[in-house]
Amino acid sequence: MPILRHFSGFYGQPDAAVAAQPTAQPAENENPFTDVKNGDYFYDAVLWAAKENITSGTSDTTFSPNDNCLRGQIVTFLYRCNK
């Protein structure tokens, strides 16, 4: 069940480089998502969330970072993140 995805209408890809650095450490395993590339500003966060079982993407090989995120997916993400 996918839960962590792009929030259309709330934010998008920044126009310039992002200055803030994520506090999560990158996942040590390989990237299972063909649509999340090394160099994407969300790369480390997506791999961390997948490693922590907070998200599993939209399929075994896709994350769909440009899709809308449903309310239920957001609630599930927050619930799993708080465990």
C-alpha atoms as a PDB file:
ATOM      1  CA  MET A   1       0.000   0.000   0.000  1.00  0.00           C
ATOM      2  CA  PRO A   2       1.649   3.234  -1.084  1.00  0.00           C
ATOM      3  CA  ILE A   3       1.615   6.038   1.424  1.00  0.00           C
ATOM      4  CA  LEU A   4       4.456   8.458   0.905  1.00  0.00           C
ATOM      5  CA  ARG A   5       4.081  10.349  -2.317  1.00  0.00           C
ATOM      6  CA  HIS A   6       4.203  13.826  -3.809  1.00  0.00           C
ATOM      7  CA  PHE A   7       1.560  16.217  -2.440  1.00  0.00           C
ATOM      8  CA  SER A   8       0.265  17.988  -5.555  1.00  0.00           C
ATOM      9  CA  GLY A   9      -0.893  21.463  -4.641  1.00  0.00           C
ATOM     10  CA  PHE A  10       1.063  21.624  -1.389  1.00  0.00           C
ATOM     11  CA  TYR A  11       4.612  21.571  -2.624  1.00  0.00           C
ATOM     12  CA  GLY A  12       6.594  20.574  -5.625  1.00  0.00           C
ATOM     13  CA  GLN A  13      10.137  20.166  -6.697  1.00  0.00           C
ATOM     14  CA  PRO A  14      12.112  23.226  -5.639  1.00  0.00           C
ATOM     15  CA  ASP A  15      13.299  25.690  -8.280  1.00  0.00           C
ATOM     16  CA  ALA A  16      16.763  25.774  -6.720  1.00  0.00           C
ATOM     17  CA  ALA A  17      18.914  23.447  -4.646  1.00  0.00           C
ATOM     18  CA  VAL A  18      17.467  22.542  -1.262  1.00  0.00           C
ATOM     19  CA  ALA A  19      19.643  23.863   1.563  1.00  0.00           C
ATOM     20  CA  ALA A  20      18.251  21.648   4.342  1.00  0.00           C
ATOM     21  CA  GLN A  21      19.701  18.186   4.763  1.00  0.00           C
ATOM     22  CA  PRO A  22      17.554  15.234   5.874  1.00  0.00           C
ATOM     23  CA  THR A  23      18.272  13.866   9.326  1.00  0.00           C
ATOM     24  CA  ALA A  24      17.531  10.313   8.216  1.00  0.00           C
ATOM     25  CA  GLN A  25      20.413   8.190   7.058  1.00  0.00           C
ATOM     26  CA  PRO A  26      20.210   6.803   3.528  1.00  0.00           C
ATOM     27  CA  ALA A  27      19.183   3.202   3.199  1.00  0.00           C
ATOM     28  CA  GLU A  28      22.017   0.744   2.854  1.00  0.00           C
ATOM     29  CA  ASN A  29      20.130  -1.506   0.467  1.00  0.00           C
ATOM     30  CA  GLU A  30      19.647  -0.977  -3.248  1.00  0.00           C
ATOM     31  CA  ASN A  31      16.976   1.322  -4.589  1.00  0.00           C
ATOM     32  CA  PRO A  32      13.978  -0.831  -5.622  1.00  0.00           C
ATOM     33  CA  PHE A  33      12.214   2.091  -7.341  1.00  0.00           C
ATOM     34  CA  THR A  34      12.938   2.758 -11.014  1.00  0.00           C
ATOM     35  CA  ASP A  35      11.348   6.230 -10.817  1.00  0.00           C
ATOM     36  CA  VAL A  36      13.476   7.470  -7.893  1.00  0.00           C
ATOM     37  CA  LYS A  37      16.936   8.406  -9.112  1.00  0.00           C
ATOM     38  CA  ASN A  38      20.099   9.153  -7.172  1.00  0.00           C
ATOM     39  CA  GLY A  39      20.233  12.945  -7.279  1.00  0.00           C
ATOM     40  CA  ASP A  40      16.482  13.477  -6.765  1.00  0.00           C
ATOM     41  CA  TYR A  41      16.034  15.758  -3.767  1.00  0.00           C
ATOM     42  CA  PHE A  42      13.818  13.134  -2.103  1.00  0.00           C
ATOM     43  CA  TYR A  43      16.053  10.111  -2.871  1.00  0.00           C
ATOM     44  CA  ASP A  44      17.466   9.513   0.635  1.00  0.00           C
ATOM     45  CA  ALA A  45      14.103  10.124   2.335  1.00  0.00           C
ATOM     46  CA  VAL A  46      12.293   7.651   0.065  1.00  0.00           C
ATOM     47  CA  LEU A  47      14.877   4.920   0.601  1.00  0.00           C
ATOM     48  CA  TRP A  48      14.847   5.521   4.356  1.00  0.00           C
ATOM     49  CA  ALA A  49      11.032   5.342   4.495  1.00  0.00           C
ATOM     50  CA  ALA A  50      11.023   2.126   2.460  1.00  0.00           C
ATOM     51  CA  LYS A  51      13.725   0.584   4.653  1.00  0.00           C
ATOM     52  CA  GLU A  52      11.732   1.481   7.798  1.00  0.00           C
ATOM     53  CA  ASN A  53       8.531  -0.025   6.283  1.00  0.00           C
ATOM     54  CA  ILE A  54       6.797   3.338   6.356  1.00  0.00           C
ATOM     55  CA  THR A  55       6.100   3.083   2.640  1.00  0.00           C
ATOM     56  CA  SER A  56       6.337   0.382   0.029  1.00  0.00           C
ATOM     57  CA  GLY A  57       5.751   2.476  -3.091  1.00  0.00           C
ATOM     58  CA  THR A  58       2.984   2.034  -5.630  1.00  0.00           C
ATOM     59  CA  SER A  59       4.371  -1.303  -6.859  1.00  0.00           C
ATOM     60  CA  ASP A  60       7.413  -3.468  -6.265  1.00  0.00           C
ATOM     61  CA  THR A  61       9.438  -1.290  -8.655  1.00  0.00           C
ATOM     62  CA  THR A  62       7.760   2.143  -8.621  1.00  0.00           C
ATOM     63  CA  PHE A  63       7.291   4.865  -6.042  1.00  0.00           C
ATOM     64  CA  SER A  64       5.345   7.383  -8.198  1.00  0.00           C
ATOM     65  CA  PRO A  65       6.758  10.580  -6.666  1.00  0.00           C
ATOM     66  CA  ASN A  66       4.646  12.791  -8.943  1.00  0.00           C
ATOM     67  CA  ASP A  67       1.277  11.226  -8.058  1.00  0.00           C
ATOM     68  CA  ASN A  68      -1.134  12.732  -5.557  1.00  0.00           C
ATOM     69  CA  CYS A  69      -1.132  11.370  -2.021  1.00  0.00           C
ATOM     70  CA  LEU A  70      -4.506  10.385  -0.592  1.00  0.00           C
ATOM     71  CA  ARG A  71      -5.614  11.314   2.916  1.00  0.00           C
ATOM     72  CA  GLY A  72      -5.588   7.679   4.007  1.00  0.00           C
ATOM     73  CA  GLN A  73      -2.040   7.291   2.757  1.00  0.00           C
ATOM     74  CA  ILE A  74      -0.918  10.330   4.734  1.00  0.00           C
ATOM     75  CA  VAL A  75      -2.566   9.021   7.905  1.00  0.00           C
ATOM     76  CA  THR A  76      -0.942   5.609   7.390  1.00  0.00           C
ATOM     77  CA  PHE A  77       2.445   7.243   6.878  1.00  0.00           C
ATOM     78  CA  LEU A  78       2.082   9.255  10.085  1.00  0.00           C
ATOM     79  CA  TYR A  79       0.896   6.190  12.028  1.00  0.00           C
ATOM     80  CA  ARG A  80       3.785   4.017  10.843  1.00  0.00           C
ATOM     81  CA  CYS A  81       6.286   6.813  11.423  1.00  0.00           C
ATOM     82  CA  ASN A  82       5.121   7.166  15.039  1.00  0.00           C
ATOM     83  CA  LYS A  83       5.528   3.451  15.884  1.00  0.00           C
END
